Amino acid sequence: MRANVLFVEDEEALRMTVGDRLRNEGYAVECAADGDAGFEKATQIPFDLIILDVMLPHKSGFDVCRDIRQAGLITPILMLTARGQTSDKVSGLKIGADDYVTKPFNMLELMARVEALLRRAPSRPVAQTGTFDFGSIHVDLVGTEATHDGEVLNLSAREFQLLRYFIEHRGATLSREELLKQVWGYSADMYTRTVDVHVASLRQKLEEDPKQPKFILTVQGLGYKFKP
């Protein structure tokens, strides 16, 4: 499955150059040209990685990073900036950035940093082989592909990992903390919207009526349960 990357950069030429390189490397890429648009996309669409420029119109990258973390999202964030001062790098890391690259940067280095951050929450090994079917959904656990009535569903890498974990633990009530730890590789000491955002996205793609889901159910006060 392709990882979904959000690239927030106001310089159009760089946005196109880096965006094209990421796509050539096999990533699905969404772009935003200012801080407000970047924050809106980051909190409404599930991403596996956010590449965030510091100097942005409307809202700085530092503010976007801080607001993303305050919203409860733990998506890895790679900061890009023309600044090279240690104090700026420390500031970015303190407000929640995971890594920092200074412009001008080497494209190979940037791709290596991207790969390293995406490996921080490694995929869980498949606990069962073969396929799994529910409703009109067919899931190929080995081929990491899901289809609806024969048409391939556009699931991000993290969405597929979440779906696979639900399948492996079908019928069990799973807390947000467990899902964060087992699917993302994080431990959370506080409430986070990360799981909720990804569950909502899965429901949009898997359920006939996402507002009244039949498969991925909310267990009030506890978490979620997958009932195929």
Protein backbone atom coordinates (compact mmCIF):
# COMPACT_ATOMS: atom_id res chain seq x y z
CA MET A 1 0.00 0.00 0.00
CA ARG A 2 1.19 3.53 -0.76
CA ALA A 3 1.91 5.89 2.10
CA ASN A 4 -0.08 9.15 2.01
CA VAL A 5 2.08 12.28 2.35
CA LEU A 6 0.94 15.87 2.90
CA PHE A 7 3.41 18.49 1.62
CA VAL A 8 2.78 22.04 2.87
CA GLU A 9 4.96 24.54 0.97
CA ASP A 10 4.18 28.01 -0.42
CA GLU A 11 6.90 28.00 -3.12
CA GLU A 12 5.21 26.54 -6.17
CA ALA A 13 8.38 25.34 -7.94
CA LEU A 14 9.55 23.44 -4.86
CA ARG A 15 6.05 22.10 -4.26
CA MET A 16 6.03 20.66 -7.78
CA THR A 17 9.60 19.34 -7.65
CA VAL A 18 9.30 17.57 -4.30
CA GLY A 19 5.74 16.44 -5.03
CA ASP A 20 6.81 14.83 -8.31
CA ARG A 21 9.79 13.13 -6.66
CA LEU A 22 7.60 11.71 -3.89
CA ARG A 23 5.13 10.37 -6.45
CA ASN A 24 7.97 8.84 -8.45
CA GLU A 25 9.06 7.08 -5.24
CA GLY A 26 5.58 5.55 -4.98
CA TYR A 27 3.92 7.85 -2.45
CA ALA A 28 0.45 9.37 -2.74
CA VAL A 29 0.86 13.14 -2.30
CA GLU A 30 -1.49 15.96 -1.30
CA CYS A 31 -0.22 19.54 -1.31
CA ALA A 32 -1.18 22.77 0.42
CA ALA A 33 0.21 26.25 -0.25
CA ASP A 34 -0.39 27.96 3.10
CA GLY A 35 -0.64 27.20 6.80
CA ASP A 36 -4.42 27.37 7.08
CA ALA A 37 -4.96 24.96 4.18
CA GLY A 38 -2.24 22.67 5.51
CA PHE A 39 -3.82 22.47 8.96
CA GLU A 40 -7.28 21.85 7.50
CA LYS A 41 -6.06 18.96 5.34
CA ALA A 42 -3.93 17.50 8.14
CA THR A 43 -6.90 17.29 10.50
CA GLN A 44 -9.50 16.10 8.00
CA ILE A 45 -7.62 13.51 5.92
CA PRO A 46 -5.54 10.61 7.30
CA PHE A 47 -1.86 10.98 6.37
CA ASP A 48 1.14 8.79 7.12
CA LEU A 49 3.57 11.75 7.04
CA ILE A 50 3.45 15.55 6.88
CA ILE A 51 6.28 17.58 5.32
CA LEU A 52 5.85 21.12 6.61
CA ASP A 53 7.67 24.31 5.62
CA VAL A 54 8.22 26.81 8.43
CA MET A 55 7.79 30.05 6.46
CA LEU A 56 4.16 29.90 5.29
CA PRO A 57 1.45 32.50 4.54
CA HIS A 58 -1.41 32.97 7.04
CA LYS A 59 0.01 30.58 9.65
CA SER A 60 3.64 29.62 10.20
CA GLY A 61 4.79 26.03 10.09
CA PHE A 62 5.57 26.21 13.80
CA ASP A 63 1.96 27.22 14.50
CA VAL A 64 0.61 24.50 12.19
CA CYS A 65 2.77 21.87 13.89
CA ARG A 66 1.70 23.01 17.36
CA ASP A 67 -1.99 23.08 16.39
CA ILE A 68 -1.77 19.61 14.81
CA ARG A 69 -0.35 18.21 18.03
CA GLN A 70 -2.91 20.06 20.14
CA ALA A 71 -5.62 18.51 17.97
CA GLY A 72 -4.35 15.13 19.13
CA LEU A 73 -2.79 13.92 15.87
CA ILE A 74 0.47 11.96 16.09
CA THR A 75 1.25 11.87 12.35
CA PRO A 76 5.04 12.18 11.89
CA ILE A 77 6.04 15.74 10.90
CA LEU A 78 9.18 16.66 8.96
CA MET A 79 9.93 20.40 9.07
CA LEU A 80 11.54 22.24 6.13
CA THR A 81 13.05 25.69 6.52
CA ALA A 82 15.69 28.04 5.19
CA ARG A 83 16.74 28.75 8.76
CA GLY A 84 19.77 26.93 10.08
CA GLN A 85 19.96 28.16 13.65
CA THR A 86 19.98 25.52 16.34
CA SER A 87 17.38 27.45 18.33
CA ASP A 88 14.84 27.19 15.50
CA LYS A 89 15.42 23.44 15.19
CA VAL A 90 14.99 22.99 18.93
CA SER A 91 11.79 25.05 18.85
CA GLY A 92 10.34 22.86 16.12
CA LEU A 93 11.19 19.65 17.93
CA LYS A 94 9.79 20.96 21.22
CA ILE A 95 6.37 21.69 19.70
CA GLY A 96 6.08 18.24 18.19
CA ALA A 97 8.11 17.96 14.98
CA ASP A 98 9.82 14.59 14.47
CA ASP A 99 12.66 15.70 12.20
CA TYR A 100 14.09 18.84 10.62
CA VAL A 101 15.74 19.49 7.22
CA THR A 102 17.32 22.84 6.34
CA LYS A 103 17.02 24.37 2.86
CA PRO A 104 18.68 24.02 0.46
CA PHE A 105 18.58 20.27 0.93
CA ASN A 106 19.75 17.27 -1.03
CA MET A 107 16.78 15.40 -2.50
CA LEU A 108 18.30 12.02 -1.63
CA GLU A 109 18.66 13.11 1.99
CA LEU A 110 15.05 14.28 2.08
CA MET A 111 13.82 10.94 0.68
CA ALA A 112 15.94 9.10 3.26
CA ARG A 113 14.42 11.17 6.09
CA VAL A 114 10.92 10.47 4.71
CA GLU A 115 11.58 6.72 4.64
CA ALA A 116 13.04 6.78 8.15
CA LEU A 117 10.01 8.56 9.60
CA LEU A 118 7.59 6.19 7.86
CA ARG A 119 9.46 3.25 9.38
CA ARG A 120 8.95 4.57 12.91
CA ALA A 121 5.57 2.86 13.13
CA PRO A 122 6.33 -0.41 11.31
CA SER A 123 3.63 -2.57 9.84
CA ARG A 124 2.58 -5.49 11.99
CA PRO A 125 3.26 -8.90 10.47
CA VAL A 126 0.17 -10.52 9.00
CA ALA A 127 -1.22 -12.88 11.60
CA GLN A 128 -3.15 -14.86 9.03
CA THR A 129 -2.69 -15.49 5.36
CA GLY A 130 -5.17 -15.53 2.53
CA THR A 131 -8.24 -13.37 2.15
CA PHE A 132 -11.15 -12.12 4.20
CA ASP A 133 -14.64 -11.12 3.04
CA PHE A 134 -17.39 -9.12 4.71
CA GLY A 135 -20.40 -7.59 3.03
CA SER A 136 -19.31 -6.67 -0.49
CA ILE A 137 -15.71 -6.08 0.66
CA HIS A 138 -12.91 -8.47 -0.26
CA VAL A 139 -9.58 -8.05 1.56
CA ASP A 140 -6.35 -9.62 0.30
CA LEU A 141 -4.22 -9.67 3.46
CA VAL A 142 -1.08 -10.81 1.66
CA GLY A 143 -1.45 -8.56 -1.38
CA THR A 144 -2.47 -5.65 0.91
CA GLU A 145 -5.46 -4.75 -1.25
CA ALA A 146 -9.15 -4.28 -0.55
CA THR A 147 -11.92 -4.22 -3.15
CA HIS A 148 -15.60 -3.31 -3.14
CA ASP A 149 -17.65 -5.22 -5.69
CA GLY A 150 -14.41 -5.88 -7.56
CA GLU A 151 -13.23 -2.26 -7.58
CA VAL A 152 -10.01 -1.48 -5.72
CA LEU A 153 -10.47 0.78 -2.70
CA ASN A 154 -8.00 3.64 -2.30
CA LEU A 155 -6.78 2.87 1.23
CA SER A 156 -3.67 4.49 2.66
CA ALA A 157 -1.00 2.26 4.19
CA ARG A 158 -2.15 3.17 7.71
CA GLU A 159 -5.82 2.60 6.85
CA PHE A 160 -5.02 -0.89 5.58
CA GLN A 161 -2.97 -1.65 8.71
CA LEU A 162 -5.92 -0.54 10.84
CA LEU A 163 -8.38 -2.63 8.81
CA ARG A 164 -6.09 -5.66 9.09
CA TYR A 165 -5.85 -5.23 12.87
CA PHE A 166 -9.65 -5.05 13.07
CA ILE A 167 -9.91 -8.25 11.02
CA GLU A 168 -7.31 -10.04 13.17
CA HIS A 169 -9.24 -9.02 16.31
CA ARG A 170 -12.81 -9.17 14.98
CA GLY A 171 -15.45 -9.28 17.68
CA ALA A 172 -13.18 -7.76 20.32
CA THR A 173 -13.63 -4.28 21.77
CA LEU A 174 -10.43 -2.37 21.01
CA SER A 175 -9.52 0.79 22.88
CA ARG A 176 -7.98 3.80 21.16
CA GLU A 177 -4.85 3.28 23.27
CA GLU A 178 -4.45 -0.31 22.04
CA LEU A 179 -4.97 0.73 18.41
CA LEU A 180 -2.42 3.54 18.75
CA LYS A 181 0.13 1.17 20.24
CA GLN A 182 -0.42 -1.79 17.91
CA VAL A 183 -1.13 -0.04 14.58
CA TRP A 184 0.92 3.16 14.90
CA GLY A 185 3.57 1.96 17.32
CA TYR A 186 2.87 4.80 19.76
CA SER A 187 1.83 4.86 23.38
CA ALA A 188 -0.57 7.67 24.26
CA ASP A 189 -0.97 9.26 27.67
CA MET A 190 -3.81 11.46 26.51
CA TYR A 191 -6.80 11.38 24.19
CA THR A 192 -5.95 11.63 20.51
CA ARG A 193 -8.05 12.09 17.39
CA THR A 194 -5.69 10.01 15.25
CA VAL A 195 -7.68 6.79 15.64
CA ASP A 196 -11.03 8.54 15.22
CA VAL A 197 -9.91 10.26 12.00
CA HIS A 198 -8.74 6.97 10.46
CA VAL A 199 -11.83 5.05 11.59
CA ALA A 200 -14.06 7.73 10.07
CA SER A 201 -12.12 7.48 6.80
CA LEU A 202 -12.41 3.68 6.76
CA ARG A 203 -16.15 3.92 7.35
CA GLN A 204 -16.47 6.29 4.38
CA LYS A 205 -14.80 3.68 2.17
CA LEU A 206 -16.23 0.45 3.61
CA GLU A 207 -19.71 1.19 4.91
CA GLU A 208 -22.84 1.69 2.82
CA ASP A 209 -23.96 4.33 5.33
CA PRO A 210 -20.93 5.68 7.27
CA LYS A 211 -23.26 7.49 9.71
CA GLN A 212 -24.86 4.17 10.65
CA PRO A 213 -21.99 1.70 10.33
CA LYS A 214 -22.65 -2.04 10.31
CA PHE A 215 -19.07 -3.30 10.48
CA ILE A 216 -16.87 -0.87 12.45
CA LEU A 217 -18.94 -0.09 15.53
CA THR A 218 -18.34 2.47 18.28
CA VAL A 219 -18.43 1.02 21.79
CA GLN A 220 -19.34 4.05 23.86
CA GLY A 221 -16.64 4.97 26.35
CA LEU A 222 -14.42 2.02 25.37
CA GLY A 223 -13.36 2.19 21.73
CA TYR A 224 -14.30 0.27 18.58
CA LYS A 225 -15.42 -3.21 17.59
CA PHE A 226 -15.26 -4.85 14.16
CA LYS A 227 -18.24 -7.11 13.51
CA PRO A 228 -18.11 -8.60 9.98
